[in-house]
Protein backbone atom coordinates (compact mmCIF):
# COMPACT_ATOMS: atom_id res chain seq x y z
CA MET A 1 -0.81 31.02 2.90
CA LYS A 2 -4.33 32.22 2.02
CA SER A 3 -6.97 29.53 2.21
CA THR A 4 -9.33 28.89 -0.73
CA PRO A 5 -12.61 26.96 -0.94
CA MET A 6 -10.84 24.16 -2.81
CA ARG A 7 -8.02 24.03 -0.25
CA ARG A 8 -10.60 23.71 2.51
CA GLN A 9 -12.44 20.99 0.59
CA ILE A 10 -9.20 19.08 0.13
CA ALA A 11 -8.62 19.21 3.89
CA ILE A 12 -12.16 17.95 4.56
CA THR A 13 -11.83 15.10 2.04
CA ALA A 14 -8.38 14.15 3.34
CA ALA A 15 -9.77 14.02 6.89
CA ARG A 16 -12.54 11.69 5.71
CA LEU A 17 -9.98 9.41 4.04
CA ILE A 18 -7.96 9.28 7.26
CA ALA A 19 -11.02 8.54 9.40
CA GLU A 20 -12.75 6.06 7.10
CA ASP A 21 -9.93 4.37 5.18
CA GLY A 22 -7.20 4.38 7.79
CA ILE A 23 -4.70 6.38 5.74
CA ASP A 24 -1.97 7.46 8.16
CA ASP A 25 0.18 9.47 5.74
CA TYR A 26 -1.16 13.03 5.71
CA GLY A 27 0.71 13.91 2.52
CA PHE A 28 -0.75 10.93 0.67
CA ALA A 29 -4.25 11.68 2.03
CA LYS A 30 -4.29 15.26 0.78
CA ARG A 31 -2.81 14.36 -2.62
CA LYS A 32 -5.45 11.66 -3.04
CA ALA A 33 -8.15 14.10 -1.94
CA ALA A 34 -6.92 16.67 -4.48
CA ARG A 35 -7.10 14.07 -7.26
CA GLN A 36 -10.60 12.97 -6.25
CA LEU A 37 -11.80 16.60 -6.30
CA GLY A 38 -10.12 17.39 -9.63
CA ALA A 39 -8.14 20.24 -8.08
CA ASN A 40 -5.97 22.41 -10.27
CA PRO A 41 -2.34 21.16 -10.04
CA LYS A 42 -1.38 24.71 -9.02
CA GLU A 43 -3.82 24.68 -6.10
CA SER A 44 -1.98 24.95 -2.79
CA LEU A 45 -2.58 21.92 -0.59
CA PRO A 46 -3.63 22.34 3.05
CA ASN A 47 -0.93 21.97 5.66
CA ASN A 48 -1.07 19.21 8.23
CA SER A 49 -2.50 21.48 10.93
CA GLU A 50 -5.47 22.15 8.62
CA ILE A 51 -5.88 18.40 8.13
CA GLU A 52 -5.89 17.86 11.89
CA GLU A 53 -8.52 20.58 12.35
CA ALA A 54 -10.70 19.05 9.63
CA LEU A 55 -10.28 15.61 11.22
CA ARG A 56 -11.45 16.93 14.60
CA ASP A 57 -14.48 18.50 12.90
CA TYR A 58 -15.27 15.26 11.06
CA GLN A 59 -15.07 13.21 14.24
CA ALA A 60 -17.22 15.67 16.19
CA ILE A 61 -19.93 15.64 13.51
CA TYR A 62 -20.03 12.06 12.23
CA GLU A 63 -18.74 9.80 15.00
CA PRO A 64 -18.51 11.65 18.32
CA GLU A 65 -19.45 8.74 20.60
CA GLU A 66 -17.62 6.09 18.58
CA GLN A 67 -14.46 8.17 18.39
CA GLN A 68 -14.45 8.98 22.09
CA ALA A 69 -14.98 5.31 22.98
CA CYS A 70 -12.14 4.32 20.65
CA LEU A 71 -9.89 7.01 22.12
CA LEU A 72 -10.60 5.86 25.67
CA GLU A 73 -9.93 2.23 24.76
CA LEU A 74 -6.56 3.11 23.22
CA ARG A 75 -5.52 5.28 26.16
CA GLN A 76 -6.49 2.57 28.64
CA ALA A 77 -4.63 -0.05 26.60
CA ALA A 78 -1.54 2.17 26.59
CA LEU A 79 -1.21 2.05 30.40
CA PRO A 80 -0.26 -1.65 30.85
CA LEU A 81 1.94 -1.45 27.76
CA MET A 82 3.80 1.51 29.25
CA ALA A 83 4.15 -0.40 32.52
CA GLU A 84 5.61 -3.37 30.61
CA LEU A 85 8.10 -1.06 28.90
CA SER A 86 8.86 1.01 32.01
CA GLU A 87 12.64 0.42 31.88
CA PHE A 88 12.67 2.38 28.60
CA ARG A 89 10.89 5.43 30.08
CA PRO A 90 7.88 5.41 27.72
CA TYR A 91 5.90 8.51 26.75
CA LEU A 92 2.57 8.55 24.92
CA THR A 93 2.48 10.83 21.85
CA ASP A 94 0.49 11.77 18.76
CA ALA A 95 -3.15 10.90 17.97
CA VAL A 96 -3.97 8.86 21.08
CA LEU A 97 -2.60 11.67 23.24
CA ASP A 98 -3.93 14.58 21.16
CA GLY A 99 -7.45 13.11 20.88
CA ASN A 100 -7.54 12.67 17.08
CA ALA A 101 -7.24 8.88 17.13
CA THR A 102 -9.38 6.86 14.74
CA ARG A 103 -10.18 3.16 14.89
CA PHE A 104 -7.09 2.61 12.72
CA SER A 105 -4.67 4.61 14.89
CA PRO A 106 -1.73 2.91 16.59
CA ILE A 107 -0.63 3.60 20.13
CA GLU A 108 2.53 5.66 19.57
CA LEU A 109 5.18 5.69 22.29
CA GLN A 110 8.59 7.28 22.60
CA LEU A 111 11.15 5.03 24.29
CA PHE A 112 14.68 5.81 25.47
CA ALA A 113 17.43 3.19 25.59
CA ASP A 114 21.19 2.75 25.29
CA SER A 115 20.48 1.09 21.96
CA ALA A 116 17.43 0.24 19.89
CA LYS A 117 18.73 -3.34 20.02
CA ASP A 118 17.93 -3.38 23.76
CA VAL A 119 14.25 -2.82 22.97
CA GLU A 120 14.31 -5.37 20.16
CA LEU A 121 15.86 -7.97 22.48
CA PHE A 122 13.27 -7.16 25.14
CA LEU A 123 10.49 -7.89 22.64
CA LEU A 124 12.15 -11.02 21.27
CA ASN A 125 12.50 -12.45 24.77
CA ARG A 126 8.74 -12.06 25.15
CA ASP A 127 7.96 -13.63 21.76
CA VAL A 128 6.58 -10.36 20.42
CA GLU A 129 6.82 -10.10 16.65
CA PHE A 130 7.72 -6.68 15.25
CA GLU A 131 8.92 -4.84 12.19
CA SER A 132 11.81 -2.38 12.38
CA ARG A 133 12.03 0.79 10.32
CA GLU A 134 15.07 3.06 10.42
CA PRO A 135 15.10 6.65 9.10
CA ARG A 136 16.57 7.15 5.65
CA ARG A 137 18.95 9.77 7.01
CA PRO A 138 19.96 9.95 10.69
CA GLU A 139 18.83 13.25 12.20
CA ARG A 140 18.88 14.37 15.79
CA HIS A 141 15.12 14.84 16.04
CA LEU A 142 14.34 11.43 14.51
CA PRO A 143 14.30 8.11 16.40
CA GLU A 144 17.08 5.58 15.83
CA THR A 145 14.40 3.15 14.75
CA THR A 146 10.64 2.71 14.88
CA LEU A 147 9.25 -0.70 15.83
CA ARG A 148 5.80 -1.71 14.65
CA LEU A 149 3.93 -4.48 16.44
CA TYR A 150 0.57 -5.57 17.84
CA TRP A 151 -0.27 -5.46 21.54
CA HIS A 152 -3.41 -7.50 22.24
CA ASP A 153 -4.50 -6.92 18.64
CA ILE A 154 -3.92 -3.16 18.87
CA PRO A 155 -1.32 -1.64 16.51
CA VAL A 156 1.63 -0.04 18.28
CA GLU A 157 4.56 2.08 17.10
CA LEU A 158 7.60 2.42 19.34
CA ALA A 159 9.95 5.26 18.43
CA VAL A 160 13.29 4.45 20.08
CA TYR A 161 15.68 7.27 20.98
CA PRO A 162 19.00 7.24 22.87
CA TYR A 163 18.76 7.90 26.60
CA GLU A 164 20.36 11.34 26.35
CA ALA A 165 17.62 12.48 23.96
CA GLU A 166 14.94 12.25 26.64
CA ARG A 167 15.34 15.90 27.58
CA SER A 168 14.93 17.02 23.97
CA ARG A 169 11.68 17.81 22.22
CA HIS A 170 11.04 15.77 19.08
CA ARG A 171 9.12 16.93 16.06
CA ASP A 172 5.83 15.38 15.02
CA THR A 173 6.09 13.52 11.72
CA HIS A 174 2.74 14.95 10.58
CA ASN A 175 3.00 18.66 11.33
CA GLY A 176 6.64 19.42 12.14
CA ARG A 177 5.78 20.86 15.57
CA SER A 178 7.37 19.71 18.79
CA ARG A 179 5.58 16.62 19.99
CA ASP A 180 3.55 16.74 23.15
CA ARG A 181 4.08 13.68 25.30
CA LEU A 182 2.96 12.22 28.61
CA GLY A 183 4.42 9.64 30.94
CA ARG A 184 2.31 6.93 32.55
CA GLU A 185 1.06 9.04 35.45
CA GLY A 186 0.08 11.79 33.05
CA VAL A 187 -1.85 9.29 30.91
CA LYS A 188 -3.72 8.10 34.01
CA GLU A 189 -4.77 11.69 34.72
CA LEU A 190 -5.78 12.15 31.08
CA ILE A 191 -8.03 9.09 31.25
CA GLU A 192 -9.60 10.30 34.49
CA LEU A 193 -10.27 13.69 32.88
CA GLN A 194 -11.86 12.07 29.83
CA LEU A 195 -14.08 9.83 31.98
CA SER A 196 -15.11 12.80 34.10
CA THR A 197 -15.92 14.89 31.02
CA GLN A 198 -17.97 12.09 29.46
CA ALA A 199 -19.90 11.58 32.69
CA GLU A 200 -20.84 15.27 32.72
CA THR A 201 -21.92 15.32 29.06
CA PRO A 202 -25.70 14.91 28.63
CA GLN A 203 -26.68 11.86 26.62
CA VAL A 204 -28.82 12.45 23.52
CA GLN A 205 -32.15 10.69 23.82
CA GLN A 206 -33.02 8.51 20.85
CA PRO A 207 -36.56 8.95 19.47
């Protein structure tokens, strides 16, 4: 669909709402942005890929160092959590993997188990409090349940799938594309790459 100046402005404003206010629902962010801008009700809203692009631009312009530090912290925090959950074959997905994480972003993991109850029991036995959210309608590409919790004060979302679904590709809730994902060893390599890239980036001298 052809982009318009207003559509682009909606994407930019939605990205700011996500980065500054912690809104994690892309649909809500762009509808709120459209209302704030007084957009014509017939104006086509940006798709989620446009929101992601605008969010990357916002982070690069307004908070490059802060965002990269936050991203590194979340990726490093994901490693021991994935080790703790190793029996459920965890994979890192979404913003912390893709690099769009904000200070509000949760660590999002895909887990695979005989039953979501196995993961819930695992958490209960470790005195970890969580909230469970099941999809309104069971669909093959959706998890059986999503568990929300805090890991050392960091928000975490665990999407639990049956074991046999591990070989399938699951769609991202934000953009409908197949989710990229990395196991623990892949996350280690990602962190090493980020550290290497940051070490090679010249630091801006403050006046």
